[in-house]
C-alpha atoms as a PDB file:
ATOM      1  CA  VAL A   1     -97.499 -14.861 -75.274  1.00  0.00           C
ATOM      2  CA  PRO A   2     -99.534 -13.768 -72.062  1.00  0.00           C
ATOM      3  CA  LEU A   3     -97.659 -11.135 -70.203  1.00  0.00           C
ATOM      4  CA  HIS A   4     -97.026 -13.277 -67.024  1.00  0.00           C
ATOM      5  CA  LEU A   5     -95.010 -15.635 -69.305  1.00  0.00           C
ATOM      6  CA  ARG A   6     -92.679 -13.016 -70.504  1.00  0.00           C
ATOM      7  CA  ASN A   7     -89.019 -12.576 -69.517  1.00  0.00           C
ATOM      8  CA  ALA A   8     -88.343  -9.061 -67.808  1.00  0.00           C
ATOM      9  CA  PRO A   9     -84.762  -8.496 -68.178  1.00  0.00           C
ATOM     10  CA  THR A  10     -85.143  -4.831 -68.233  1.00  0.00           C
ATOM     11  CA  LYS A  11     -86.701  -2.125 -65.868  1.00  0.00           C
ATOM     12  CA  LEU A  12     -89.187  -0.961 -68.621  1.00  0.00           C
ATOM     13  CA  MET A  13     -90.348  -4.619 -69.158  1.00  0.00           C
ATOM     14  CA  LYS A  14     -90.753  -4.904 -65.263  1.00  0.00           C
ATOM     15  CA  GLU A  15     -92.948  -1.763 -65.373  1.00  0.00           C
ATOM     16  CA  LEU A  16     -94.845  -3.189 -68.346  1.00  0.00           C
ATOM     17  CA  ASP A  17     -95.752  -6.124 -65.965  1.00  0.00           C
ATOM     18  CA  PHE A  18     -93.837  -8.552 -67.733  1.00  0.00           C
ATOM     19  CA  GLY A  19     -93.483 -11.769 -65.779  1.00  0.00           C
ATOM     20  CA  LYS A  20     -95.944 -10.602 -63.128  1.00  0.00           C
ATOM     21  CA  ASP A  21     -97.742 -13.176 -61.203  1.00  0.00           C
ATOM     22  CA  TYR A  22     -95.779 -15.969 -62.787  1.00  0.00           C
ATOM     23  CA  ARG A  23     -96.096 -19.142 -60.838  1.00  0.00           C
ATOM     24  CA  TYR A  24     -93.228 -21.841 -61.173  1.00  0.00           C
ATOM     25  CA  ALA A  25     -95.083 -25.158 -60.969  1.00  0.00           C
ATOM     26  CA  HIS A  26     -91.994 -26.778 -59.445  1.00  0.00           C
ATOM     27  CA  HIS A  27     -92.364 -24.535 -56.332  1.00  0.00           C
ATOM     28  CA  GLU A  28     -95.846 -25.691 -55.604  1.00  0.00           C
ATOM     29  CA  ALA A  29     -96.403 -28.454 -53.091  1.00  0.00           C
ATOM     30  CA  ASP A  30     -98.092 -30.795 -55.686  1.00  0.00           C
ATOM     31  CA  GLY A  31     -96.160 -29.622 -58.655  1.00  0.00           C
ATOM     32  CA  ILE A  32     -99.126 -27.935 -60.210  1.00  0.00           C
ATOM     33  CA  SER A  33     -99.845 -24.277 -60.636  1.00  0.00           C
ATOM     34  CA  ASN A  34    -103.046 -22.438 -61.328  1.00  0.00           C
ATOM     35  CA  MET A  35    -101.282 -20.404 -64.004  1.00  0.00           C
ATOM     36  CA  ASP A  36    -102.995 -20.188 -67.416  1.00  0.00           C
ATOM     37  CA  CYS A  37    -100.387 -20.496 -70.219  1.00  0.00           C
ATOM     38  CA  LEU A  38    -102.542 -20.088 -73.125  1.00  0.00           C
ATOM     39  CA  PRO A  39    -104.103 -16.859 -74.520  1.00  0.00           C
ATOM     40  CA  PRO A  40    -107.952 -16.576 -73.938  1.00  0.00           C
ATOM     41  CA  GLY A  41    -108.780 -17.491 -77.513  1.00  0.00           C
ATOM     42  CA  LEU A  42    -107.010 -21.045 -77.094  1.00  0.00           C
ATOM     43  CA  ILE A  43    -108.216 -21.910 -73.587  1.00  0.00           C
ATOM     44  CA  ASP A  44    -111.087 -24.088 -74.493  1.00  0.00           C
ATOM     45  CA  ARG A  45    -109.493 -26.071 -77.276  1.00  0.00           C
ATOM     46  CA  VAL A  46    -108.578 -29.768 -77.010  1.00  0.00           C
ATOM     47  CA  TYR A  47    -105.073 -30.480 -78.536  1.00  0.00           C
ATOM     48  CA  TYR A  48    -104.599 -33.969 -77.596  1.00  0.00           C
ATOM     49  CA  GLU A  49    -107.045 -36.755 -76.623  1.00  0.00           C
ATOM     50  CA  PRO A  50    -105.376 -39.958 -75.318  1.00  0.00           C
ATOM     51  CA  ALA A  51    -106.938 -43.320 -76.438  1.00  0.00           C
ATOM     52  CA  THR A  52    -108.389 -45.512 -73.762  1.00  0.00           C
ATOM     53  CA  ARG A  53    -106.042 -48.546 -74.408  1.00  0.00           C
ATOM     54  CA  GLY A  54    -102.470 -49.358 -73.997  1.00  0.00           C
ATOM     55  CA  TYR A  55    -100.195 -46.821 -72.391  1.00  0.00           C
ATOM     56  CA  GLU A  56    -102.292 -43.837 -73.612  1.00  0.00           C
ATOM     57  CA  ALA A  57    -104.785 -45.177 -70.958  1.00  0.00           C
ATOM     58  CA  GLU A  58    -102.320 -44.274 -68.246  1.00  0.00           C
ATOM     59  CA  ILE A  59    -101.727 -40.957 -69.845  1.00  0.00           C
ATOM     60  CA  ARG A  60    -105.499 -40.271 -69.954  1.00  0.00           C
ATOM     61  CA  LYS A  61    -105.482 -41.027 -65.952  1.00  0.00           C
ATOM     62  CA  ARG A  62    -102.834 -38.430 -65.423  1.00  0.00           C
ATOM     63  CA  LEU A  63    -104.182 -35.760 -67.482  1.00  0.00           C
ATOM     64  CA  THR A  64    -107.562 -36.099 -65.779  1.00  0.00           C
ATOM     65  CA  ALA A  65    -105.942 -35.876 -62.354  1.00  0.00           C
ATOM     66  CA  TRP A  66    -103.863 -32.835 -63.372  1.00  0.00           C
ATOM     67  CA  LYS A  67    -106.959 -31.280 -64.827  1.00  0.00           C
ATOM     68  CA  SER A  68    -108.918 -31.791 -61.670  1.00  0.00           C
ATOM     69  CA  LEU A  69    -106.029 -30.325 -59.525  1.00  0.00           C
ATOM     70  CA  LYS A  70    -105.772 -27.047 -61.932  1.00  0.00           C
ATOM     71  CA  ARG A  71    -109.591 -26.618 -61.783  1.00  0.00           C
ATOM     72  CA  LYS A  72    -109.546 -26.906 -57.919  1.00  0.00           C
ATOM     73  CA  LYS A  73    -106.781 -24.153 -58.032  1.00  0.00           C
ATOM     74  CA  GLY A  74    -109.017 -21.951 -60.164  1.00  0.00           C
ATOM     75  CA  SER A  75    -107.269 -22.344 -63.465  1.00  0.00           C
ATOM     76  CA  LYS A  76    -109.328 -21.772 -66.657  1.00  0.00           C
ATOM     77  CA  SER A  77    -107.041 -23.713 -69.123  1.00  0.00           C
ATOM     78  CA  VAL A  78    -107.778 -27.226 -68.296  1.00  0.00           C
END
């Protein structure tokens, strides 16, 4: 788990930078943060490719829009 996603309930964990630079997407104006949540070895993988028909076509549009926003914000995991 990347350090910025780790909980830091103790002083030691805070000193080890657990949770440092965490960005809560719901606090962002558009609801999207530039935070990368996957470890470097998994960033470039595609885990889901929606179809171009039915409701998956709508999902595809939304995923494309979200990926575009994350790219504009400098995220690597899109």
